[in-house]
Amino acid sequence: MILLILLGVILVTLAGLGRRNAPALNNIAAIQNGALKLTGRQPSSLELNVKPMSQLPELPTGCEITDVVMLMHYRGVKIGLAELAKTIPYDDDPEAGFWGDPFTNTGYTMYPPGWRKTFEQKLGGFQDLSGKSISVLKATLVDKKPVVAWVNMHGFAAHAILLIGYQGDDFIYNDPYTGKGQQKMTTAEFWRLATSQNHRAMTD
């Protein structure tokens, strides 16, 4: 009888230890999950220190070239608008090279695939962000990478701006056509303006 009582006490004690240990394991898991969540959380606002530039009067239709020069200056690469415009490829297919003449009003654009070689040579890397979500673009900015993005603005079917940050639901951007920096538009408006350009975007 005494042995049965002792056995019962031991079993109850072990069960109690098990119950006390279980929350500790759950807490560890919760802390781990919390840490992962915290690591992935984006700040509510962010702005990269990218000096604005105007494409005018030098490159009337060279907005994306101006964006790339701004990005290169941000990276410490010294290059001028005309210098870069003279080194990029030219082609009747804007996916392969610049279509038209950026030094005149007859230019059109050059899309991300055409920029790959120039980025890899001068910046050491290239990312085609075309079709990526707003959250991915924000994460790219958090990674301190300005984003060249194509939109329909200022009467141009293909205009490129440089995203340099965000504040809540607004993107902050430099506009090479006006030469103004720290401009804002809602992410919803940006997405709408980028639709006709198939949400093309790129960074280094």
N, C-alpha and C. Protein backbone atom coordinates (compact mmCIF):
# COMPACT_ATOMS: atom_id res chain seq x y z
N MET A 1 0.83 -1.21 0.00
CA MET A 1 0.00 0.00 0.00
C MET A 1 0.86 1.26 0.00
N ILE A 2 1.91 1.21 0.86
CA ILE A 2 2.82 2.37 0.94
C ILE A 2 3.51 2.59 -0.40
N LEU A 3 3.89 1.44 -1.04
CA LEU A 3 4.55 1.55 -2.34
C LEU A 3 3.63 2.19 -3.37
N LEU A 4 2.35 1.84 -3.32
CA LEU A 4 1.40 2.41 -4.27
C LEU A 4 1.24 3.91 -4.05
N ILE A 5 1.23 4.31 -2.77
CA ILE A 5 1.11 5.74 -2.46
C ILE A 5 2.33 6.50 -2.96
N LEU A 6 3.52 5.92 -2.70
CA LEU A 6 4.76 6.56 -3.15
C LEU A 6 4.79 6.67 -4.67
N LEU A 7 4.35 5.59 -5.33
CA LEU A 7 4.31 5.60 -6.80
C LEU A 7 3.38 6.67 -7.31
N GLY A 8 2.24 6.83 -6.63
CA GLY A 8 1.28 7.86 -7.03
C GLY A 8 1.86 9.25 -6.87
N VAL A 9 2.58 9.47 -5.76
CA VAL A 9 3.21 10.78 -5.52
C VAL A 9 4.24 11.09 -6.59
N ILE A 10 5.03 10.07 -6.96
CA ILE A 10 6.06 10.27 -7.99
C ILE A 10 5.42 10.62 -9.33
N LEU A 11 4.35 9.91 -9.68
CA LEU A 11 3.68 10.17 -10.95
C LEU A 11 3.08 11.56 -11.00
N VAL A 12 2.47 11.98 -9.89
CA VAL A 12 1.89 13.33 -9.83
C VAL A 12 2.97 14.38 -9.95
N THR A 13 4.11 14.13 -9.28
CA THR A 13 5.23 15.08 -9.34
C THR A 13 5.77 15.21 -10.75
N LEU A 14 5.94 14.06 -11.41
CA LEU A 14 6.44 14.08 -12.79
C LEU A 14 5.47 14.79 -13.72
N ALA A 15 4.20 14.55 -13.51
CA ALA A 15 3.18 15.21 -14.34
C ALA A 15 3.24 16.71 -14.13
N GLY A 16 3.44 17.12 -12.88
CA GLY A 16 3.54 18.55 -12.58
C GLY A 16 4.74 19.18 -13.24
N LEU A 17 5.85 18.46 -13.22
CA LEU A 17 7.06 18.98 -13.88
C LEU A 17 6.82 19.13 -15.37
N GLY A 18 6.12 18.14 -15.93
CA GLY A 18 5.83 18.22 -17.36
C GLY A 18 5.00 19.43 -17.69
N ARG A 19 4.00 19.73 -16.81
CA ARG A 19 3.14 20.89 -17.07
C ARG A 19 3.92 22.19 -16.92
N ARG A 20 4.86 22.22 -15.98
CA ARG A 20 5.64 23.44 -15.78
C ARG A 20 6.62 23.65 -16.92
N ASN A 21 7.13 22.56 -17.47
CA ASN A 21 8.10 22.68 -18.56
C ASN A 21 7.44 23.07 -19.87
N ALA A 22 6.21 22.64 -20.07
CA ALA A 22 5.53 22.88 -21.35
C ALA A 22 5.43 24.36 -21.68
N PRO A 23 5.00 25.23 -20.75
CA PRO A 23 4.92 26.65 -21.08
C PRO A 23 6.27 27.23 -21.45
N ALA A 24 7.34 26.72 -20.83
CA ALA A 24 8.67 27.25 -21.14
C ALA A 24 9.00 26.99 -22.61
N LEU A 25 8.68 25.78 -23.08
CA LEU A 25 8.93 25.46 -24.49
C LEU A 25 8.08 26.33 -25.40
N ASN A 26 6.84 26.56 -25.01
CA ASN A 26 5.97 27.41 -25.81
C ASN A 26 6.49 28.84 -25.85
N ASN A 27 7.00 29.29 -24.71
CA ASN A 27 7.53 30.65 -24.65
C ASN A 27 8.74 30.80 -25.56
N ILE A 28 9.59 29.79 -25.59
CA ILE A 28 10.75 29.84 -26.47
C ILE A 28 10.31 29.94 -27.92
N ALA A 29 9.32 29.12 -28.27
CA ALA A 29 8.81 29.15 -29.64
C ALA A 29 8.22 30.51 -29.97
N ALA A 30 7.49 31.07 -29.00
CA ALA A 30 6.86 32.37 -29.23
C ALA A 30 7.91 33.46 -29.40
N ILE A 31 8.95 33.38 -28.59
CA ILE A 31 10.02 34.37 -28.69
C ILE A 31 10.72 34.25 -30.04
N GLN A 32 10.95 33.01 -30.46
CA GLN A 32 11.59 32.79 -31.75
C GLN A 32 10.73 33.35 -32.88
N ASN A 33 9.45 33.06 -32.83
CA ASN A 33 8.55 33.58 -33.86
C ASN A 33 8.49 35.10 -33.82
N GLY A 34 8.47 35.64 -32.61
CA GLY A 34 8.45 37.09 -32.46
C GLY A 34 9.69 37.73 -33.03
N ALA A 35 10.83 37.09 -32.82
CA ALA A 35 12.09 37.63 -33.34
C ALA A 35 12.09 37.62 -34.85
N LEU A 36 11.57 36.53 -35.41
CA LEU A 36 11.50 36.45 -36.86
C LEU A 36 10.57 37.53 -37.42
N LYS A 37 9.46 37.73 -36.74
CA LYS A 37 8.51 38.74 -37.18
C LYS A 37 9.12 40.13 -37.08
N LEU A 38 9.84 40.37 -35.98
CA LEU A 38 10.46 41.68 -35.79
C LEU A 38 11.53 41.93 -36.85
N THR A 39 12.29 40.88 -37.17
CA THR A 39 13.34 41.01 -38.18
C THR A 39 12.74 41.38 -39.53
N GLY A 40 11.56 40.82 -39.85
CA GLY A 40 10.96 41.08 -41.15
C GLY A 40 10.11 42.33 -41.21
N ARG A 41 9.93 43.01 -40.09
CA ARG A 41 9.05 44.17 -40.07
C ARG A 41 9.73 45.37 -40.74
N GLN A 42 8.99 46.09 -41.58
CA GLN A 42 9.53 47.26 -42.26
C GLN A 42 9.22 48.51 -41.45
N PRO A 43 10.13 49.49 -41.47
CA PRO A 43 9.84 50.75 -40.79
C PRO A 43 8.66 51.44 -41.45
N SER A 44 7.96 52.28 -40.70
CA SER A 44 6.78 52.95 -41.24
C SER A 44 7.14 54.03 -42.24
N SER A 45 8.37 54.52 -42.18
CA SER A 45 8.82 55.52 -43.16
C SER A 45 10.32 55.38 -43.39
N LEU A 46 10.75 55.79 -44.56
CA LEU A 46 12.15 55.65 -44.94
C LEU A 46 12.43 56.60 -46.10
N GLU A 47 13.58 57.25 -46.09
CA GLU A 47 13.96 58.10 -47.22
C GLU A 47 15.47 58.03 -47.43
N LEU A 48 15.87 57.64 -48.63
CA LEU A 48 17.28 57.59 -48.99
C LEU A 48 17.74 58.96 -49.45
N ASN A 49 18.97 59.28 -49.14
CA ASN A 49 19.52 60.60 -49.47
C ASN A 49 20.05 60.61 -50.90
N VAL A 50 19.14 60.72 -51.85
CA VAL A 50 19.50 60.73 -53.27
C VAL A 50 19.23 62.13 -53.82
N LYS A 51 20.27 62.77 -54.28
CA LYS A 51 20.14 64.14 -54.79
C LYS A 51 19.36 64.16 -56.11
N PRO A 52 18.33 65.01 -56.21
CA PRO A 52 17.54 65.07 -57.45
C PRO A 52 18.32 65.70 -58.59
N MET A 53 17.97 65.32 -59.81
CA MET A 53 18.58 65.88 -61.02
C MET A 53 17.49 66.11 -62.05
N SER A 54 17.72 67.07 -62.93
CA SER A 54 16.80 67.32 -64.03
C SER A 54 17.37 66.76 -65.33
N GLN A 55 16.52 66.16 -66.12
CA GLN A 55 16.94 65.67 -67.43
C GLN A 55 17.02 66.80 -68.45
N LEU A 56 16.39 67.93 -68.12
CA LEU A 56 16.32 69.07 -69.03
C LEU A 56 17.42 70.08 -68.73
N PRO A 57 17.96 70.72 -69.75
CA PRO A 57 17.59 70.60 -71.17
C PRO A 57 18.37 69.53 -71.93
N GLU A 58 19.29 68.88 -71.24
CA GLU A 58 20.23 67.98 -71.91
C GLU A 58 19.58 66.76 -72.56
N LEU A 59 18.69 66.12 -71.83
CA LEU A 59 18.07 64.88 -72.32
C LEU A 59 16.55 64.99 -72.26
N PRO A 60 15.93 65.62 -73.25
CA PRO A 60 14.48 65.82 -73.24
C PRO A 60 13.67 64.53 -73.06
N THR A 61 14.21 63.43 -73.58
CA THR A 61 13.51 62.15 -73.45
C THR A 61 14.39 61.09 -72.78
N GLY A 62 15.26 61.55 -71.93
CA GLY A 62 16.17 60.63 -71.24
C GLY A 62 15.91 60.53 -69.75
N CYS A 63 14.66 60.36 -69.39
CA CYS A 63 14.30 60.31 -67.96
C CYS A 63 14.94 59.14 -67.24
N GLU A 64 14.88 57.94 -67.85
CA GLU A 64 15.45 56.78 -67.18
C GLU A 64 16.97 56.88 -67.09
N ILE A 65 17.59 57.52 -68.08
CA ILE A 65 19.04 57.74 -68.02
C ILE A 65 19.38 58.64 -66.83
N THR A 66 18.57 59.67 -66.64
CA THR A 66 18.77 60.59 -65.52
C THR A 66 18.56 59.88 -64.19
N ASP A 67 17.55 59.02 -64.12
CA ASP A 67 17.32 58.23 -62.91
C ASP A 67 18.55 57.38 -62.58
N VAL A 68 19.09 56.75 -63.59
CA VAL A 68 20.25 55.87 -63.37
C VAL A 68 21.46 56.68 -62.92
N VAL A 69 21.64 57.87 -63.49
CA VAL A 69 22.75 58.73 -63.05
C VAL A 69 22.56 59.11 -61.58
N MET A 70 21.33 59.44 -61.18
CA MET A 70 21.07 59.74 -59.77
C MET A 70 21.43 58.55 -58.90
N LEU A 71 21.05 57.36 -59.33
CA LEU A 71 21.35 56.14 -58.58
C LEU A 71 22.86 55.94 -58.49
N MET A 72 23.55 56.17 -59.61
CA MET A 72 25.01 55.99 -59.63
C MET A 72 25.70 57.00 -58.72
N HIS A 73 25.24 58.24 -58.73
CA HIS A 73 25.81 59.24 -57.83
C HIS A 73 25.59 58.83 -56.38
N TYR A 74 24.44 58.27 -56.09
CA TYR A 74 24.14 57.79 -54.73
C TYR A 74 25.13 56.70 -54.33
N ARG A 75 25.56 55.92 -55.30
CA ARG A 75 26.53 54.84 -55.05
C ARG A 75 27.97 55.33 -55.12
N GLY A 76 28.16 56.61 -55.43
CA GLY A 76 29.52 57.15 -55.48
C GLY A 76 30.18 57.03 -56.83
N VAL A 77 29.41 56.67 -57.85
CA VAL A 77 29.95 56.57 -59.21
C VAL A 77 29.78 57.93 -59.89
N LYS A 78 30.88 58.52 -60.30
CA LYS A 78 30.84 59.84 -60.93
C LYS A 78 30.66 59.70 -62.43
N ILE A 79 29.54 60.18 -62.92
CA ILE A 79 29.24 60.11 -64.35
C ILE A 79 28.20 61.17 -64.69
N GLY A 80 28.29 61.72 -65.89
CA GLY A 80 27.35 62.76 -66.31
C GLY A 80 26.24 62.19 -67.17
N LEU A 81 25.22 63.00 -67.39
CA LEU A 81 24.08 62.56 -68.20
C LEU A 81 24.50 62.19 -69.61
N ALA A 82 25.21 63.10 -70.27
CA ALA A 82 25.62 62.86 -71.65
C ALA A 82 26.57 61.67 -71.73
N GLU A 83 27.45 61.56 -70.75
CA GLU A 83 28.42 60.46 -70.75
C GLU A 83 27.71 59.11 -70.70
N LEU A 84 26.74 58.98 -69.81
CA LEU A 84 26.01 57.71 -69.72
C LEU A 84 25.18 57.48 -70.98
N ALA A 85 24.55 58.53 -71.48
CA ALA A 85 23.71 58.40 -72.68
C ALA A 85 24.51 57.92 -73.88
N LYS A 86 25.79 58.25 -73.91
CA LYS A 86 26.63 57.85 -75.04
C LYS A 86 27.20 56.44 -74.90
N THR A 87 27.06 55.85 -73.71
CA THR A 87 27.62 54.52 -73.51
C THR A 87 26.58 53.40 -73.52
N ILE A 88 25.31 53.76 -73.41
CA ILE A 88 24.27 52.72 -73.38
C ILE A 88 24.00 52.19 -74.78
N PRO A 89 23.43 51.00 -74.90
CA PRO A 89 23.09 50.46 -76.22
C PRO A 89 21.86 51.14 -76.82
N TYR A 90 21.80 51.16 -78.13
CA TYR A 90 20.64 51.72 -78.84
C TYR A 90 20.07 50.65 -79.75
N ASP A 91 18.74 50.59 -79.80
CA ASP A 91 18.10 49.53 -80.57
C ASP A 91 16.66 49.93 -80.85
N ASP A 92 16.09 49.36 -81.91
CA ASP A 92 14.67 49.60 -82.21
C ASP A 92 13.76 48.84 -81.25
N ASP A 93 14.34 47.92 -80.49
CA ASP A 93 13.61 47.18 -79.46
C ASP A 93 14.01 47.75 -78.10
N PRO A 94 13.10 48.45 -77.39
CA PRO A 94 13.46 49.06 -76.11
C PRO A 94 13.82 48.05 -75.02
N GLU A 95 13.55 46.77 -75.27
CA GLU A 95 13.98 45.75 -74.31
C GLU A 95 15.47 45.45 -74.47
N ALA A 96 16.03 45.86 -75.61
CA ALA A 96 17.44 45.57 -75.89
C ALA A 96 18.32 46.81 -75.83
N GLY A 97 17.76 47.98 -76.09
CA GLY A 97 18.54 49.22 -76.09
C GLY A 97 17.60 50.41 -76.12
N PHE A 98 18.18 51.60 -76.06
CA PHE A 98 17.35 52.80 -76.07
C PHE A 98 16.77 53.00 -77.46
N TRP A 99 15.47 53.20 -77.51
CA TRP A 99 14.77 53.39 -78.78
C TRP A 99 14.63 54.89 -79.03
N GLY A 100 15.30 55.38 -80.06
CA GLY A 100 15.25 56.80 -80.39
C GLY A 100 16.48 57.54 -79.90
N ASP A 101 16.35 58.86 -79.80
CA ASP A 101 17.47 59.72 -79.41
C ASP A 101 17.09 60.52 -78.16
N PRO A 102 17.70 60.21 -77.00
CA PRO A 102 17.34 60.92 -75.76
C PRO A 102 17.75 62.38 -75.76
N PHE A 103 18.63 62.77 -76.69
CA PHE A 103 19.07 64.16 -76.77
C PHE A 103 18.05 65.03 -77.51
N THR A 104 17.01 64.39 -78.05
CA THR A 104 15.97 65.12 -78.78
C THR A 104 14.59 64.70 -78.25
N ASN A 105 13.55 65.23 -78.87
CA ASN A 105 12.19 64.86 -78.49
C ASN A 105 11.71 63.58 -79.15
N THR A 106 12.59 62.92 -79.88
CA THR A 106 12.19 61.71 -80.61
C THR A 106 12.50 60.43 -79.85
N GLY A 107 13.07 60.55 -78.66
CA GLY A 107 13.41 59.35 -77.89
C GLY A 107 12.20 58.72 -77.24
N TYR A 108 12.31 57.44 -76.93
CA TYR A 108 11.23 56.74 -76.23
C TYR A 108 11.72 56.25 -74.87
N THR A 109 12.37 55.11 -74.84
CA THR A 109 12.85 54.59 -73.55
C THR A 109 13.75 53.38 -73.76
N MET A 110 14.33 52.89 -72.66
CA MET A 110 15.01 51.60 -72.64
C MET A 110 14.57 50.89 -71.38
N TYR A 111 14.01 49.71 -71.52
CA TYR A 111 13.46 48.96 -70.40
C TYR A 111 14.54 48.16 -69.66
N PRO A 112 14.21 47.62 -68.48
CA PRO A 112 15.21 46.95 -67.64
C PRO A 112 16.16 45.96 -68.32
N PRO A 113 15.68 45.04 -69.17
CA PRO A 113 16.63 44.09 -69.76
C PRO A 113 17.79 44.77 -70.50
N GLY A 114 17.51 45.90 -71.14
CA GLY A 114 18.56 46.61 -71.86
C GLY A 114 19.60 47.25 -70.95
N TRP A 115 19.24 47.44 -69.67
CA TRP A 115 20.13 48.09 -68.71
C TRP A 115 21.06 47.12 -67.99
N ARG A 116 20.81 45.84 -68.09
CA ARG A 116 21.55 44.87 -67.28
C ARG A 116 23.07 45.02 -67.40
N LYS A 117 23.59 45.02 -68.59
CA LYS A 117 25.04 45.08 -68.79
C LYS A 117 25.63 46.35 -68.20
N THR A 118 24.97 47.49 -68.42
CA THR A 118 25.46 48.76 -67.89
C THR A 118 25.50 48.73 -66.37
N PHE A 119 24.45 48.21 -65.75
CA PHE A 119 24.40 48.11 -64.28
C PHE A 119 25.50 47.20 -63.75
N GLU A 120 25.65 46.06 -64.38
CA GLU A 120 26.65 45.10 -63.90
C GLU A 120 28.06 45.65 -64.05
N GLN A 121 28.31 46.40 -65.12
CA GLN A 121 29.64 46.97 -65.34
C GLN A 121 29.94 48.13 -64.40
N LYS A 122 28.98 49.00 -64.20
CA LYS A 122 29.23 50.23 -63.44
C LYS A 122 28.80 50.16 -61.97
N LEU A 123 27.87 49.26 -61.64
CA LEU A 123 27.37 49.17 -60.28
C LEU A 123 27.59 47.81 -59.63
N GLY A 124 28.00 46.85 -60.43
CA GLY A 124 28.31 45.53 -59.88
C GLY A 124 27.13 44.63 -59.63
N GLY A 125 25.94 45.06 -60.03
CA GLY A 125 24.77 44.22 -59.82
C GLY A 125 23.55 44.79 -60.52
N PHE A 126 22.57 43.94 -60.73
CA PHE A 126 21.34 44.36 -61.41
C PHE A 126 20.18 43.50 -60.94
N GLN A 127 19.05 44.14 -60.68
CA GLN A 127 17.82 43.42 -60.33
C GLN A 127 16.67 43.96 -61.17
N ASP A 128 16.02 43.09 -61.90
CA ASP A 128 14.82 43.45 -62.64
C ASP A 128 13.63 43.22 -61.70
N LEU A 129 13.01 44.31 -61.28
CA LEU A 129 11.90 44.24 -60.33
C LEU A 129 10.54 44.34 -61.01
N SER A 130 10.52 44.19 -62.31
CA SER A 130 9.28 44.33 -63.07
C SER A 130 8.21 43.37 -62.55
N GLY A 131 7.02 43.92 -62.30
CA GLY A 131 5.90 43.11 -61.84
C GLY A 131 5.90 42.82 -60.35
N LYS A 132 6.91 43.29 -59.64
CA LYS A 132 6.98 43.03 -58.20
C LYS A 132 5.96 43.88 -57.45
N SER A 133 5.55 43.38 -56.30
CA SER A 133 4.51 44.04 -55.50
C SER A 133 5.03 45.30 -54.81
N ILE A 134 4.10 46.09 -54.29
CA ILE A 134 4.45 47.28 -53.51
C ILE A 134 5.32 46.90 -52.33
N SER A 135 4.99 45.81 -51.66
CA SER A 135 5.76 45.39 -50.49
C SER A 135 7.20 45.03 -50.86
N VAL A 136 7.39 44.44 -52.03
CA VAL A 136 8.75 44.10 -52.48
C VAL A 136 9.53 45.38 -52.80
N LEU A 137 8.87 46.34 -53.43
CA LEU A 137 9.53 47.61 -53.74
C LEU A 137 9.93 48.32 -52.44
N LYS A 138 9.06 48.29 -51.45
CA LYS A 138 9.39 48.90 -50.16
C LYS A 138 10.57 48.18 -49.50
N ALA A 139 10.56 46.86 -49.56
CA ALA A 139 11.65 46.08 -48.98
C ALA A 139 12.97 46.39 -49.67
N THR A 140 12.91 46.63 -50.97
CA THR A 140 14.11 47.01 -51.73
C THR A 140 14.64 48.35 -51.25
N LEU A 141 13.75 49.28 -50.98
CA LEU A 141 14.16 50.58 -50.45
C LEU A 141 14.75 50.44 -49.06
N VAL A 142 14.17 49.57 -48.25
CA VAL A 142 14.71 49.31 -46.91
C VAL A 142 16.14 48.78 -47.03
N ASP A 143 16.40 48.06 -48.11
CA ASP A 143 17.74 47.52 -48.38
C ASP A 143 18.67 48.58 -48.95
N LYS A 144 18.22 49.84 -48.89
CA LYS A 144 18.99 51.01 -49.34
C LYS A 144 19.28 50.98 -50.84
N LYS A 145 18.30 50.53 -51.60
CA LYS A 145 18.43 50.48 -53.06
C LYS A 145 17.34 51.34 -53.70
N PRO A 146 17.69 52.51 -54.27
CA PRO A 146 16.71 53.31 -55.00
C PRO A 146 16.17 52.49 -56.17
N VAL A 147 14.93 52.74 -56.54
CA VAL A 147 14.27 51.94 -57.58
C VAL A 147 13.85 52.82 -58.75
N VAL A 148 14.34 52.50 -59.95
CA VAL A 148 13.89 53.17 -61.17
C VAL A 148 12.57 52.50 -61.56
N ALA A 149 11.52 53.31 -61.71
CA ALA A 149 10.19 52.75 -62.00
C ALA A 149 9.54 53.49 -63.16
N TRP A 150 8.92 52.74 -64.05
CA TRP A 150 8.27 53.32 -65.24
C TRP A 150 6.79 53.59 -64.96
N VAL A 151 6.35 54.79 -65.33
CA VAL A 151 4.96 55.20 -65.12
C VAL A 151 4.47 56.00 -66.33
N ASN A 152 3.19 56.28 -66.34
CA ASN A 152 2.59 57.15 -67.35
C ASN A 152 2.36 58.51 -66.68
N MET A 153 3.22 59.50 -67.01
CA MET A 153 3.15 60.81 -66.35
C MET A 153 3.54 61.92 -67.31
N HIS A 154 3.11 63.11 -67.01
CA HIS A 154 3.49 64.32 -67.76
C HIS A 154 3.17 64.20 -69.25
N GLY A 155 2.19 63.39 -69.59
CA GLY A 155 1.83 63.21 -70.99
C GLY A 155 2.69 62.21 -71.73
N PHE A 156 3.64 61.58 -71.02
CA PHE A 156 4.50 60.58 -71.64
C PHE A 156 3.97 59.19 -71.29
N ALA A 157 3.81 58.36 -72.31
CA ALA A 157 3.35 56.99 -72.06
C ALA A 157 4.38 56.23 -71.24
N ALA A 158 5.66 56.55 -71.47
CA ALA A 158 6.74 55.90 -70.72
C ALA A 158 7.61 56.97 -70.07
N HIS A 159 7.39 57.20 -68.80
CA HIS A 159 8.22 58.12 -68.03
C HIS A 159 8.79 57.33 -66.86
N ALA A 160 10.02 57.61 -66.50
CA ALA A 160 10.66 56.88 -65.40
C ALA A 160 10.98 57.84 -64.25
N ILE A 161 10.61 57.42 -63.05
CA ILE A 161 10.92 58.18 -61.85
C ILE A 161 11.82 57.32 -60.96
N LEU A 162 12.42 57.94 -59.96
CA LEU A 162 13.30 57.20 -59.05
C LEU A 162 12.68 57.18 -57.66
N LEU A 163 12.24 56.01 -57.23
CA LEU A 163 11.71 55.85 -55.88
C LEU A 163 12.86 55.90 -54.89
N ILE A 164 12.75 56.78 -53.89
CA ILE A 164 13.83 56.92 -52.92
C ILE A 164 13.36 56.64 -51.49
N GLY A 165 12.09 56.33 -51.32
CA GLY A 165 11.60 56.05 -49.98
C GLY A 165 10.09 55.95 -49.94
N TYR A 166 9.58 55.89 -48.74
CA TYR A 166 8.13 55.85 -48.55
C TYR A 166 7.79 56.39 -47.17
N GLN A 167 6.56 56.81 -47.04
CA GLN A 167 6.03 57.28 -45.75
C GLN A 167 4.60 56.79 -45.63
N GLY A 168 4.39 55.79 -44.82
CA GLY A 168 3.07 55.20 -44.72
C GLY A 168 2.64 54.61 -46.05
N ASP A 169 1.55 55.09 -46.60
CA ASP A 169 1.04 54.60 -47.88
C ASP A 169 1.49 55.45 -49.06
N ASP A 170 2.46 56.33 -48.86
CA ASP A 170 2.99 57.17 -49.94
C ASP A 170 4.39 56.72 -50.33
N PHE A 171 4.67 56.78 -51.63
CA PHE A 171 6.04 56.63 -52.11
C PHE A 171 6.67 58.02 -52.19
N ILE A 172 7.96 58.11 -51.91
CA ILE A 172 8.73 59.34 -52.08
C ILE A 172 9.63 59.11 -53.29
N TYR A 173 9.66 60.09 -54.20
CA TYR A 173 10.42 59.88 -55.43
C TYR A 173 11.05 61.17 -55.93
N ASN A 174 12.10 61.01 -56.74
CA ASN A 174 12.69 62.11 -57.49
C ASN A 174 12.14 62.05 -58.91
N ASP A 175 11.73 63.20 -59.43
CA ASP A 175 11.16 63.27 -60.78
C ASP A 175 12.14 64.00 -61.69
N PRO A 176 12.79 63.30 -62.61
CA PRO A 176 13.78 63.94 -63.49
C PRO A 176 13.17 64.96 -64.45
N TYR A 177 11.88 64.83 -64.75
CA TYR A 177 11.27 65.76 -65.69
C TYR A 177 11.11 67.15 -65.08
N THR A 178 10.73 67.20 -63.81
CA THR A 178 10.59 68.49 -63.12
C THR A 178 11.88 68.88 -62.41
N GLY A 179 12.75 67.90 -62.20
CA GLY A 179 13.98 68.16 -61.46
C GLY A 179 13.77 68.24 -59.96
N LYS A 180 12.56 67.93 -59.50
CA LYS A 180 12.25 68.04 -58.08
C LYS A 180 12.42 66.71 -57.35
N GLY A 181 12.92 66.81 -56.13
CA GLY A 181 13.08 65.63 -55.31
C GLY A 181 12.05 65.58 -54.20
N GLN A 182 12.02 64.46 -53.50
CA GLN A 182 11.13 64.28 -52.35
C GLN A 182 9.66 64.52 -52.68
N GLN A 183 9.27 64.13 -53.88
CA GLN A 183 7.86 64.22 -54.27
C GLN A 183 7.13 63.01 -53.70
N LYS A 184 5.82 63.14 -53.54
CA LYS A 184 5.05 62.05 -52.96
C LYS A 184 3.83 61.70 -53.82
N MET A 185 3.52 60.42 -53.84
CA MET A 185 2.25 59.95 -54.41
C MET A 185 1.86 58.70 -53.64
N THR A 186 0.58 58.43 -53.58
CA THR A 186 0.14 57.24 -52.87
C THR A 186 0.60 55.99 -53.63
N THR A 187 0.79 54.92 -52.90
CA THR A 187 1.18 53.68 -53.55
C THR A 187 0.10 53.20 -54.52
N ALA A 188 -1.16 53.50 -54.20
CA ALA A 188 -2.27 53.12 -55.09
C ALA A 188 -2.18 53.90 -56.40
N GLU A 189 -1.87 55.20 -56.32
CA GLU A 189 -1.73 56.02 -57.52
C GLU A 189 -0.52 55.57 -58.33
N PHE A 190 0.57 55.27 -57.65
CA PHE A 190 1.76 54.76 -58.33
C PHE A 190 1.43 53.49 -59.10
N TRP A 191 0.73 52.57 -58.44
CA TRP A 191 0.40 51.30 -59.09
C TRP A 191 -0.47 51.52 -60.32
N ARG A 192 -1.38 52.47 -60.22
CA ARG A 192 -2.26 52.78 -61.35
C ARG A 192 -1.44 53.36 -62.51
N LEU A 193 -0.54 54.30 -62.21
CA LEU A 193 0.27 54.94 -63.26
C LEU A 193 1.27 53.98 -63.87
N ALA A 194 1.65 52.95 -63.12
CA ALA A 194 2.63 51.99 -63.62
C ALA A 194 2.00 50.85 -64.41
N THR A 195 0.69 50.75 -64.38
CA THR A 195 0.00 49.62 -65.01
C THR A 195 0.26 49.55 -66.51
N SER A 196 0.17 50.68 -67.20
CA SER A 196 0.37 50.68 -68.65
C SER A 196 1.80 50.32 -69.04
N GLN A 197 2.72 50.44 -68.09
CA GLN A 197 4.11 50.08 -68.32
C GLN A 197 4.44 48.70 -67.73
N ASN A 198 3.39 47.95 -67.44
CA ASN A 198 3.54 46.59 -66.91
C ASN A 198 4.39 46.55 -65.64
N HIS A 199 4.30 47.64 -64.87
CA HIS A 199 4.99 47.73 -63.57
C HIS A 199 6.48 47.41 -63.69
N ARG A 200 7.09 47.96 -64.72
CA ARG A 200 8.53 47.76 -64.90
C ARG A 200 9.31 48.56 -63.86
N ALA A 201 10.35 47.95 -63.35
CA ALA A 201 11.19 48.61 -62.34
C ALA A 201 12.52 47.87 -62.26
N MET A 202 13.54 48.56 -61.73
CA MET A 202 14.86 47.93 -61.61
C MET A 202 15.69 48.65 -60.56
N THR A 203 16.73 47.98 -60.10
CA THR A 203 17.70 48.57 -59.20
C THR A 203 19.02 47.82 -59.34
N ASP A 204 20.00 48.22 -58.54
CA ASP A 204 21.30 47.56 -58.65
C ASP A 204 21.39 46.36 -57.70
